[in-house]
N, C-alpha and C. Protein backbone atom coordinates (compact mmCIF):
# COMPACT_ATOMS: atom_id res chain seq x y z
N MET A 1 32.90 56.41 -19.72
CA MET A 1 32.00 57.18 -20.56
C MET A 1 32.13 56.66 -21.99
N THR A 2 31.00 56.30 -22.60
CA THR A 2 30.97 55.85 -23.98
C THR A 2 30.70 57.05 -24.87
N VAL A 3 31.56 57.28 -25.83
CA VAL A 3 31.35 58.39 -26.76
C VAL A 3 30.56 57.86 -27.94
N TRP A 4 29.49 58.57 -28.28
CA TRP A 4 28.58 58.16 -29.34
C TRP A 4 29.17 58.48 -30.70
N LYS A 5 29.11 57.50 -31.57
CA LYS A 5 29.49 57.68 -32.96
C LYS A 5 28.43 56.99 -33.80
N SER A 6 28.19 57.47 -34.99
CA SER A 6 27.19 56.87 -35.85
C SER A 6 27.57 55.44 -36.18
N ARG A 7 26.57 54.55 -36.13
CA ARG A 7 26.81 53.15 -36.48
C ARG A 7 26.15 52.84 -37.82
N GLY A 8 25.80 53.85 -38.57
CA GLY A 8 25.36 53.64 -39.94
C GLY A 8 23.95 53.11 -40.11
N LEU A 9 23.01 53.51 -39.28
CA LEU A 9 21.60 53.16 -39.45
C LEU A 9 21.36 51.65 -39.44
N ARG A 10 22.09 50.93 -38.62
CA ARG A 10 21.89 49.48 -38.54
C ARG A 10 20.50 49.18 -38.02
N GLY A 11 19.77 48.33 -38.73
CA GLY A 11 18.47 47.88 -38.27
C GLY A 11 17.36 48.89 -38.42
N ASP A 12 17.64 50.04 -39.01
CA ASP A 12 16.60 51.06 -39.15
C ASP A 12 15.42 50.59 -40.00
N ALA A 13 15.66 49.83 -41.06
CA ALA A 13 14.57 49.36 -41.91
C ALA A 13 13.63 48.46 -41.12
N LEU A 14 14.18 47.55 -40.35
CA LEU A 14 13.36 46.68 -39.53
C LEU A 14 12.61 47.48 -38.47
N GLU A 15 13.30 48.39 -37.81
CA GLU A 15 12.63 49.21 -36.80
C GLU A 15 11.50 50.03 -37.42
N ASP A 16 11.72 50.61 -38.59
CA ASP A 16 10.67 51.36 -39.26
C ASP A 16 9.47 50.48 -39.58
N LEU A 17 9.72 49.25 -40.01
CA LEU A 17 8.65 48.30 -40.31
C LEU A 17 7.87 47.96 -39.04
N ILE A 18 8.58 47.77 -37.94
CA ILE A 18 7.91 47.46 -36.67
C ILE A 18 7.12 48.67 -36.17
N ILE A 19 7.67 49.86 -36.33
CA ILE A 19 6.94 51.07 -35.92
C ILE A 19 5.64 51.19 -36.72
N ALA A 20 5.69 50.95 -38.03
CA ALA A 20 4.47 50.99 -38.85
C ALA A 20 3.48 49.92 -38.40
N THR A 21 3.99 48.74 -38.09
CA THR A 21 3.13 47.66 -37.59
C THR A 21 2.48 48.06 -36.27
N ASN A 22 3.27 48.65 -35.37
CA ASN A 22 2.74 49.07 -34.07
C ASN A 22 1.67 50.15 -34.23
N GLU A 23 1.85 51.05 -35.18
CA GLU A 23 0.83 52.09 -35.44
C GLU A 23 -0.46 51.44 -35.94
N PHE A 24 -0.33 50.44 -36.80
CA PHE A 24 -1.49 49.70 -37.30
C PHE A 24 -2.21 49.02 -36.13
N TYR A 25 -1.44 48.34 -35.26
CA TYR A 25 -2.04 47.67 -34.11
C TYR A 25 -2.76 48.67 -33.20
N LYS A 26 -2.15 49.83 -33.01
CA LYS A 26 -2.77 50.86 -32.16
C LYS A 26 -4.10 51.31 -32.76
N LYS A 27 -4.12 51.58 -34.06
CA LYS A 27 -5.36 52.02 -34.73
C LYS A 27 -6.45 50.96 -34.66
N GLN A 28 -6.02 49.68 -34.63
CA GLN A 28 -6.98 48.57 -34.54
C GLN A 28 -7.41 48.29 -33.09
N GLY A 29 -6.80 49.01 -32.13
CA GLY A 29 -7.12 48.81 -30.72
C GLY A 29 -6.55 47.52 -30.15
N LEU A 30 -5.49 47.01 -30.77
CA LEU A 30 -4.91 45.75 -30.33
C LEU A 30 -3.80 45.92 -29.31
N GLY A 31 -3.21 47.10 -29.22
CA GLY A 31 -2.14 47.29 -28.27
C GLY A 31 -1.48 48.64 -28.41
N ARG A 32 -0.57 48.90 -27.50
CA ARG A 32 0.20 50.14 -27.51
C ARG A 32 1.66 49.76 -27.28
N ILE A 33 2.46 49.89 -28.33
CA ILE A 33 3.89 49.58 -28.26
C ILE A 33 4.66 50.82 -28.68
N ASP A 34 5.63 51.21 -27.88
CA ASP A 34 6.43 52.39 -28.17
C ASP A 34 7.89 52.04 -28.39
N LYS A 35 8.53 52.78 -29.27
CA LYS A 35 9.97 52.68 -29.51
C LYS A 35 10.66 53.36 -28.34
N ILE A 36 11.65 52.69 -27.77
CA ILE A 36 12.41 53.25 -26.65
C ILE A 36 13.75 53.73 -27.19
N ASN A 37 14.00 55.00 -27.05
CA ASN A 37 15.27 55.56 -27.50
C ASN A 37 16.30 55.53 -26.39
N THR A 38 17.55 55.30 -26.77
CA THR A 38 18.64 55.32 -25.80
C THR A 38 18.95 56.77 -25.45
N PRO A 39 18.88 57.13 -24.17
CA PRO A 39 19.16 58.52 -23.80
C PRO A 39 20.65 58.87 -23.99
N ILE A 40 20.88 59.98 -24.68
CA ILE A 40 22.25 60.44 -24.88
C ILE A 40 22.39 61.85 -24.34
N LYS A 41 23.59 62.19 -23.95
CA LYS A 41 23.90 63.55 -23.51
C LYS A 41 24.82 64.14 -24.57
N VAL A 42 24.36 65.23 -25.15
CA VAL A 42 25.12 65.91 -26.20
C VAL A 42 26.23 66.73 -25.55
N ILE A 43 27.44 66.55 -26.06
CA ILE A 43 28.59 67.29 -25.56
C ILE A 43 28.98 68.40 -26.52
N GLU A 44 28.83 68.11 -27.81
CA GLU A 44 29.30 69.07 -28.80
C GLU A 44 28.42 69.03 -30.05
N LEU A 45 28.06 70.21 -30.51
CA LEU A 45 27.31 70.35 -31.77
C LEU A 45 28.20 71.00 -32.81
N GLY A 46 28.06 70.54 -34.04
CA GLY A 46 28.79 71.17 -35.14
C GLY A 46 28.11 72.46 -35.56
N LYS A 47 28.72 73.20 -36.47
CA LYS A 47 28.16 74.47 -36.94
C LYS A 47 26.82 74.29 -37.62
N ASP A 48 26.60 73.11 -38.19
CA ASP A 48 25.34 72.84 -38.88
C ASP A 48 24.26 72.30 -37.94
N GLY A 49 24.55 72.26 -36.64
CA GLY A 49 23.59 71.77 -35.66
C GLY A 49 23.60 70.27 -35.49
N MET A 50 24.46 69.57 -36.21
CA MET A 50 24.56 68.12 -36.08
C MET A 50 25.37 67.78 -34.83
N ILE A 51 25.00 66.68 -34.19
CA ILE A 51 25.74 66.22 -33.02
C ILE A 51 27.08 65.68 -33.48
N THR A 52 28.15 66.21 -32.91
CA THR A 52 29.49 65.73 -33.26
C THR A 52 30.11 64.92 -32.14
N LYS A 53 29.63 65.12 -30.91
CA LYS A 53 30.14 64.35 -29.79
C LYS A 53 29.03 64.23 -28.74
N ALA A 54 28.84 62.98 -28.28
CA ALA A 54 27.82 62.72 -27.26
C ALA A 54 28.17 61.41 -26.57
N PHE A 55 27.49 61.12 -25.48
CA PHE A 55 27.68 59.83 -24.83
C PHE A 55 26.35 59.31 -24.34
N PHE A 56 26.27 57.98 -24.20
CA PHE A 56 25.07 57.37 -23.68
C PHE A 56 24.99 57.65 -22.18
N GLU A 57 23.86 58.18 -21.74
CA GLU A 57 23.70 58.48 -20.31
C GLU A 57 23.55 57.21 -19.48
N LYS A 58 22.92 56.19 -20.05
CA LYS A 58 22.77 54.90 -19.38
C LYS A 58 22.50 53.85 -20.43
N LYS A 59 22.64 52.59 -20.02
CA LYS A 59 22.36 51.50 -20.94
C LYS A 59 20.87 51.49 -21.24
N SER A 60 20.55 51.17 -22.46
CA SER A 60 19.16 51.06 -22.85
C SER A 60 18.61 49.72 -22.40
N THR A 61 17.35 49.51 -22.62
CA THR A 61 16.72 48.24 -22.28
C THR A 61 16.60 47.43 -23.57
N VAL A 62 15.45 47.50 -24.21
CA VAL A 62 15.20 46.88 -25.50
C VAL A 62 14.60 47.95 -26.40
N ASP A 63 14.39 47.62 -27.66
CA ASP A 63 13.91 48.62 -28.62
C ASP A 63 12.46 49.04 -28.41
N PHE A 64 11.61 48.09 -27.98
CA PHE A 64 10.17 48.35 -27.91
C PHE A 64 9.59 47.79 -26.61
N THR A 65 8.67 48.55 -26.02
CA THR A 65 7.92 48.06 -24.85
C THR A 65 6.49 48.55 -24.95
N GLY A 66 5.60 47.83 -24.27
CA GLY A 66 4.21 48.25 -24.25
C GLY A 66 3.30 47.13 -23.79
N VAL A 67 2.05 47.24 -24.23
CA VAL A 67 1.01 46.29 -23.84
C VAL A 67 0.26 45.86 -25.09
N ILE A 68 0.08 44.56 -25.23
CA ILE A 68 -0.73 44.02 -26.32
C ILE A 68 -1.82 43.17 -25.70
N GLN A 69 -3.05 43.55 -25.93
CA GLN A 69 -4.21 42.82 -25.44
C GLN A 69 -4.08 42.50 -23.95
N GLY A 70 -3.61 43.49 -23.18
CA GLY A 70 -3.52 43.37 -21.73
C GLY A 70 -2.27 42.69 -21.21
N ILE A 71 -1.34 42.34 -22.08
CA ILE A 71 -0.12 41.66 -21.65
C ILE A 71 1.08 42.56 -21.91
N ALA A 72 1.92 42.72 -20.89
CA ALA A 72 3.14 43.52 -21.05
C ALA A 72 4.10 42.79 -21.99
N VAL A 73 4.66 43.53 -22.94
CA VAL A 73 5.64 42.96 -23.86
C VAL A 73 6.85 43.88 -23.93
N ALA A 74 8.00 43.26 -24.15
CA ALA A 74 9.25 43.99 -24.34
C ALA A 74 10.04 43.20 -25.38
N PHE A 75 10.52 43.90 -26.41
CA PHE A 75 11.27 43.18 -27.42
C PHE A 75 12.27 44.06 -28.13
N ASP A 76 13.22 43.39 -28.75
CA ASP A 76 14.27 44.05 -29.51
C ASP A 76 14.14 43.63 -30.96
N ALA A 77 14.75 44.40 -31.83
CA ALA A 77 14.75 44.10 -33.27
C ALA A 77 16.20 43.91 -33.71
N LYS A 78 16.45 42.80 -34.39
CA LYS A 78 17.81 42.50 -34.88
C LYS A 78 17.72 42.04 -36.33
N GLU A 79 18.71 42.46 -37.11
CA GLU A 79 18.81 42.02 -38.50
C GLU A 79 20.18 41.39 -38.71
N THR A 80 20.23 40.41 -39.60
CA THR A 80 21.51 39.77 -39.91
C THR A 80 21.53 39.30 -41.35
N ASN A 81 22.70 39.38 -41.95
CA ASN A 81 22.93 38.81 -43.28
C ASN A 81 23.36 37.35 -43.17
N LEU A 82 23.64 36.91 -41.95
CA LEU A 82 24.14 35.57 -41.70
C LEU A 82 22.98 34.58 -41.58
N LYS A 83 23.33 33.30 -41.46
CA LYS A 83 22.33 32.26 -41.24
C LYS A 83 22.18 31.96 -39.75
N SER A 84 22.64 32.90 -38.93
CA SER A 84 22.47 32.83 -37.49
C SER A 84 22.60 34.24 -36.95
N ILE A 85 22.11 34.42 -35.74
CA ILE A 85 22.25 35.73 -35.08
C ILE A 85 23.30 35.57 -33.97
N PRO A 86 24.38 36.32 -34.06
CA PRO A 86 25.42 36.20 -33.03
C PRO A 86 24.91 36.61 -31.65
N ILE A 87 25.24 35.83 -30.65
CA ILE A 87 24.86 36.15 -29.27
C ILE A 87 25.46 37.49 -28.86
N SER A 88 26.62 37.84 -29.43
CA SER A 88 27.26 39.12 -29.10
C SER A 88 26.39 40.32 -29.49
N ASN A 89 25.39 40.11 -30.35
CA ASN A 89 24.46 41.18 -30.71
C ASN A 89 23.39 41.41 -29.64
N ILE A 90 23.34 40.52 -28.67
CA ILE A 90 22.36 40.62 -27.59
C ILE A 90 23.15 40.86 -26.31
N HIS A 91 22.94 42.01 -25.71
CA HIS A 91 23.77 42.43 -24.58
C HIS A 91 23.23 41.90 -23.25
N GLN A 92 24.13 41.75 -22.29
CA GLN A 92 23.76 41.21 -20.98
C GLN A 92 22.63 42.02 -20.34
N HIS A 93 22.69 43.35 -20.43
CA HIS A 93 21.64 44.16 -19.80
C HIS A 93 20.28 43.92 -20.48
N GLN A 94 20.29 43.56 -21.77
CA GLN A 94 19.04 43.24 -22.46
C GLN A 94 18.50 41.89 -21.97
N ILE A 95 19.39 40.93 -21.79
CA ILE A 95 18.99 39.63 -21.24
C ILE A 95 18.36 39.82 -19.86
N GLU A 96 19.02 40.61 -19.02
CA GLU A 96 18.51 40.86 -17.67
C GLU A 96 17.15 41.55 -17.71
N TYR A 97 17.00 42.50 -18.61
CA TYR A 97 15.72 43.22 -18.73
C TYR A 97 14.61 42.27 -19.18
N MET A 98 14.90 41.46 -20.21
CA MET A 98 13.89 40.52 -20.71
C MET A 98 13.54 39.49 -19.64
N LYS A 99 14.51 39.07 -18.84
CA LYS A 99 14.24 38.14 -17.75
C LYS A 99 13.30 38.78 -16.73
N ASP A 100 13.55 40.04 -16.39
CA ASP A 100 12.67 40.74 -15.45
C ASP A 100 11.23 40.80 -15.98
N ILE A 101 11.08 41.04 -17.26
CA ILE A 101 9.73 41.11 -17.86
C ILE A 101 9.05 39.75 -17.76
N THR A 102 9.75 38.67 -18.13
CA THR A 102 9.14 37.34 -18.06
C THR A 102 8.86 36.92 -16.62
N ASP A 103 9.72 37.33 -15.69
CA ASP A 103 9.48 37.02 -14.27
C ASP A 103 8.20 37.68 -13.76
N GLN A 104 7.80 38.78 -14.41
CA GLN A 104 6.57 39.49 -14.03
C GLN A 104 5.38 39.07 -14.89
N LYS A 105 5.52 37.93 -15.57
CA LYS A 105 4.46 37.34 -16.40
C LYS A 105 4.23 38.10 -17.71
N GLY A 106 5.18 38.93 -18.10
CA GLY A 106 5.11 39.57 -19.40
C GLY A 106 5.78 38.68 -20.44
N LEU A 107 5.76 39.13 -21.68
CA LEU A 107 6.39 38.40 -22.77
C LEU A 107 7.57 39.20 -23.30
N ALA A 108 8.70 38.54 -23.42
CA ALA A 108 9.91 39.19 -23.94
C ALA A 108 10.44 38.34 -25.09
N PHE A 109 10.93 39.02 -26.11
CA PHE A 109 11.38 38.30 -27.30
C PHE A 109 12.21 39.22 -28.17
N ILE A 110 12.77 38.66 -29.23
CA ILE A 110 13.47 39.43 -30.24
C ILE A 110 12.83 39.10 -31.57
N ILE A 111 12.59 40.12 -32.37
CA ILE A 111 12.19 39.90 -33.76
C ILE A 111 13.46 39.94 -34.58
N ILE A 112 13.76 38.84 -35.24
CA ILE A 112 14.97 38.73 -36.05
C ILE A 112 14.59 38.70 -37.52
N HIS A 113 15.24 39.54 -38.30
CA HIS A 113 15.09 39.52 -39.75
C HIS A 113 16.33 38.88 -40.34
N PHE A 114 16.13 37.70 -40.93
CA PHE A 114 17.22 37.02 -41.63
C PHE A 114 17.18 37.50 -43.08
N LYS A 115 18.11 38.38 -43.42
CA LYS A 115 18.11 38.98 -44.75
C LYS A 115 18.39 37.97 -45.87
N PHE A 116 19.17 36.92 -45.59
CA PHE A 116 19.54 35.98 -46.64
C PHE A 116 18.30 35.30 -47.25
N CYS A 117 17.23 35.16 -46.45
CA CYS A 117 16.01 34.54 -46.96
C CYS A 117 14.80 35.46 -46.82
N ASP A 118 15.04 36.68 -46.34
CA ASP A 118 13.99 37.68 -46.12
C ASP A 118 12.84 37.12 -45.27
N GLU A 119 13.20 36.50 -44.15
CA GLU A 119 12.20 35.97 -43.23
C GLU A 119 12.37 36.61 -41.85
N TYR A 120 11.25 36.71 -41.16
CA TYR A 120 11.19 37.31 -39.83
C TYR A 120 10.78 36.25 -38.83
N PHE A 121 11.43 36.25 -37.67
CA PHE A 121 11.10 35.29 -36.62
C PHE A 121 10.92 36.01 -35.30
N LEU A 122 9.92 35.57 -34.54
CA LEU A 122 9.77 35.97 -33.16
C LEU A 122 10.55 34.92 -32.37
N THR A 123 11.59 35.36 -31.69
CA THR A 123 12.44 34.45 -30.94
C THR A 123 12.20 34.70 -29.45
N PRO A 124 11.50 33.78 -28.78
CA PRO A 124 11.15 33.96 -27.37
C PRO A 124 12.37 34.09 -26.46
N PHE A 125 12.18 34.80 -25.37
CA PHE A 125 13.26 34.98 -24.39
C PHE A 125 13.84 33.65 -23.95
N GLU A 126 13.00 32.65 -23.75
CA GLU A 126 13.48 31.36 -23.27
C GLU A 126 14.52 30.76 -24.22
N VAL A 127 14.31 30.93 -25.52
CA VAL A 127 15.26 30.44 -26.52
C VAL A 127 16.54 31.28 -26.48
N ILE A 128 16.36 32.59 -26.44
CA ILE A 128 17.50 33.51 -26.38
C ILE A 128 18.35 33.21 -25.15
N ASN A 129 17.70 33.07 -24.01
CA ASN A 129 18.42 32.84 -22.76
C ASN A 129 19.16 31.51 -22.77
N LYS A 130 18.57 30.47 -23.36
CA LYS A 130 19.24 29.18 -23.44
C LYS A 130 20.54 29.32 -24.23
N TYR A 131 20.48 29.95 -25.40
CA TYR A 131 21.69 30.13 -26.21
C TYR A 131 22.69 31.06 -25.51
N TYR A 132 22.17 32.09 -24.85
CA TYR A 132 23.05 33.02 -24.13
C TYR A 132 23.80 32.28 -23.02
N GLN A 133 23.08 31.52 -22.21
CA GLN A 133 23.71 30.79 -21.11
C GLN A 133 24.69 29.74 -21.64
N ASP A 134 24.30 29.05 -22.71
CA ASP A 134 25.20 28.07 -23.33
C ASP A 134 26.49 28.73 -23.82
N SER A 135 26.35 29.93 -24.39
CA SER A 135 27.54 30.63 -24.91
C SER A 135 28.51 30.98 -23.79
N LEU A 136 27.98 31.25 -22.60
CA LEU A 136 28.84 31.58 -21.46
C LEU A 136 29.64 30.38 -20.99
N SER A 137 29.15 29.18 -21.29
CA SER A 137 29.87 27.97 -20.89
C SER A 137 30.64 27.35 -22.06
N GLY A 138 30.92 28.17 -23.08
CA GLY A 138 31.78 27.73 -24.17
C GLY A 138 31.08 27.04 -25.32
N LYS A 139 29.77 26.97 -25.29
CA LYS A 139 29.04 26.34 -26.40
C LYS A 139 28.81 27.36 -27.50
N ARG A 140 27.95 27.02 -28.43
CA ARG A 140 27.67 27.83 -29.61
C ARG A 140 27.44 29.30 -29.24
N LYS A 141 27.99 30.20 -30.05
CA LYS A 141 27.92 31.65 -29.79
C LYS A 141 26.92 32.36 -30.70
N SER A 142 25.96 31.60 -31.24
CA SER A 142 24.94 32.21 -32.10
C SER A 142 23.68 31.35 -32.07
N ILE A 143 22.58 31.96 -32.50
CA ILE A 143 21.31 31.24 -32.63
C ILE A 143 21.11 30.97 -34.12
N PRO A 144 21.18 29.71 -34.53
CA PRO A 144 21.09 29.40 -35.97
C PRO A 144 19.65 29.46 -36.49
N TYR A 145 19.52 29.97 -37.68
CA TYR A 145 18.23 30.02 -38.38
C TYR A 145 17.59 28.63 -38.42
N LYS A 146 18.37 27.62 -38.75
CA LYS A 146 17.84 26.27 -38.95
C LYS A 146 17.24 25.69 -37.66
N ASP A 147 17.64 26.21 -36.49
CA ASP A 147 17.13 25.68 -35.23
C ASP A 147 15.85 26.39 -34.76
N LEU A 148 15.45 27.44 -35.44
CA LEU A 148 14.27 28.19 -34.99
C LEU A 148 12.98 27.44 -35.35
N ASP A 149 12.03 27.53 -34.45
CA ASP A 149 10.73 26.88 -34.63
C ASP A 149 9.96 27.63 -35.73
N GLN A 150 9.62 26.93 -36.79
CA GLN A 150 8.92 27.56 -37.93
C GLN A 150 7.55 28.12 -37.53
N ARG A 151 6.99 27.64 -36.44
CA ARG A 151 5.71 28.19 -35.98
C ARG A 151 5.87 29.65 -35.54
N TYR A 152 7.11 30.05 -35.22
CA TYR A 152 7.37 31.41 -34.78
C TYR A 152 7.82 32.33 -35.92
N ARG A 153 7.67 31.86 -37.15
CA ARG A 153 7.96 32.72 -38.30
C ARG A 153 6.83 33.75 -38.41
N ILE A 154 7.20 35.00 -38.65
CA ILE A 154 6.24 36.09 -38.74
C ILE A 154 5.93 36.36 -40.21
N ASN A 155 4.65 36.41 -40.51
CA ASN A 155 4.23 36.68 -41.88
C ASN A 155 4.14 38.17 -42.15
N ARG A 156 4.51 38.54 -43.34
CA ARG A 156 4.35 39.93 -43.79
C ARG A 156 3.04 39.99 -44.57
N THR A 157 2.19 40.93 -44.23
CA THR A 157 0.87 41.00 -44.85
C THR A 157 0.90 41.83 -46.13
N LYS A 158 -0.23 41.80 -46.85
CA LYS A 158 -0.35 42.55 -48.11
C LYS A 158 -0.17 44.05 -47.91
N ASN A 159 -0.56 44.55 -46.73
CA ASN A 159 -0.41 45.99 -46.48
C ASN A 159 0.98 46.36 -45.97
N GLY A 160 1.89 45.36 -45.93
CA GLY A 160 3.29 45.65 -45.62
C GLY A 160 3.72 45.48 -44.19
N ILE A 161 2.76 45.27 -43.27
CA ILE A 161 3.17 45.10 -41.87
C ILE A 161 3.66 43.67 -41.65
N ILE A 162 4.40 43.50 -40.58
CA ILE A 162 4.77 42.15 -40.16
C ILE A 162 3.86 41.79 -38.99
N ASP A 163 3.02 40.80 -39.19
CA ASP A 163 1.97 40.46 -38.23
C ASP A 163 2.52 39.62 -37.08
N TYR A 164 3.24 40.28 -36.18
CA TYR A 164 3.84 39.53 -35.09
C TYR A 164 2.85 39.16 -33.99
N ILE A 165 1.66 39.80 -33.95
CA ILE A 165 0.68 39.43 -32.92
C ILE A 165 0.20 37.99 -33.11
N SER A 166 0.00 37.58 -34.34
CA SER A 166 -0.42 36.19 -34.59
C SER A 166 0.62 35.21 -34.04
N THR A 167 1.87 35.50 -34.27
CA THR A 167 2.96 34.65 -33.78
C THR A 167 3.08 34.76 -32.26
N LEU A 168 2.87 35.96 -31.73
CA LEU A 168 2.91 36.17 -30.29
C LEU A 168 1.84 35.32 -29.59
N ASN A 169 0.69 35.17 -30.22
CA ASN A 169 -0.37 34.33 -29.64
C ASN A 169 0.06 32.86 -29.56
N ILE A 170 0.82 32.39 -30.54
CA ILE A 170 1.35 31.02 -30.49
C ILE A 170 2.29 30.88 -29.30
N TYR A 171 3.19 31.85 -29.15
CA TYR A 171 4.13 31.87 -28.01
C TYR A 171 3.37 31.86 -26.69
N LEU A 172 2.37 32.72 -26.57
CA LEU A 172 1.58 32.82 -25.34
C LEU A 172 0.88 31.50 -25.04
N ASN A 173 0.27 30.90 -26.05
CA ASN A 173 -0.42 29.62 -25.86
C ASN A 173 0.55 28.52 -25.45
N ASP A 174 1.76 28.52 -26.04
CA ASP A 174 2.77 27.54 -25.65
C ASP A 174 3.16 27.71 -24.18
N LYS A 175 3.31 28.97 -23.74
CA LYS A 175 3.67 29.23 -22.35
C LYS A 175 2.55 28.78 -21.41
N LYS A 176 1.30 29.11 -21.78
CA LYS A 176 0.15 28.75 -20.91
C LYS A 176 -0.03 27.24 -20.80
N SER A 177 0.23 26.53 -21.89
CA SER A 177 0.02 25.08 -21.88
C SER A 177 1.21 24.34 -21.26
N GLY A 178 2.28 25.06 -21.00
CA GLY A 178 3.47 24.43 -20.42
C GLY A 178 4.25 23.63 -21.44
N SER A 179 3.92 23.78 -22.71
CA SER A 179 4.63 23.00 -23.75
C SER A 179 5.86 23.71 -24.27
N PHE A 180 6.14 24.88 -23.73
CA PHE A 180 7.29 25.64 -24.21
C PHE A 180 8.53 25.24 -23.46
N LEU A 181 9.55 24.85 -24.20
CA LEU A 181 10.83 24.41 -23.65
C LEU A 181 10.58 23.47 -22.49
């Protein structure tokens, strides 16, 4: 049993930005993406009604799932102050879930915010899985910023959203043409 403790709002700014982007996409009729919350079972409440003890009922999948322009998508949001994203930030059950999505012809990826340069990247499952598998055999234990394909950089628009659909279309076209990995 895992006992829940606050982890200090890690990644909340990025998640809030993605939620706002998803609301914009929904209003534009471009897709429906929902935030997936990790189910917890509350064991104890404090006098002020705050949760003081709880546990995760089951492992979560990824942060967001839904459909964009008729294609199933599943993705996670990660932020880092480093010049790479540690593989340890991506859990085995998330890798397995993203693999299941891609096996069913959906698109799975992680949106990474590199705080050191304030840039966002759509990192396809195929890239994540390559680094994950390499890490299991003793190779590099992170995905370096410098190795990411600049075509998968996500632009932030004037209205504040991060336009990941434009980048997702590049990923989709790469997969369809067979030019991806």
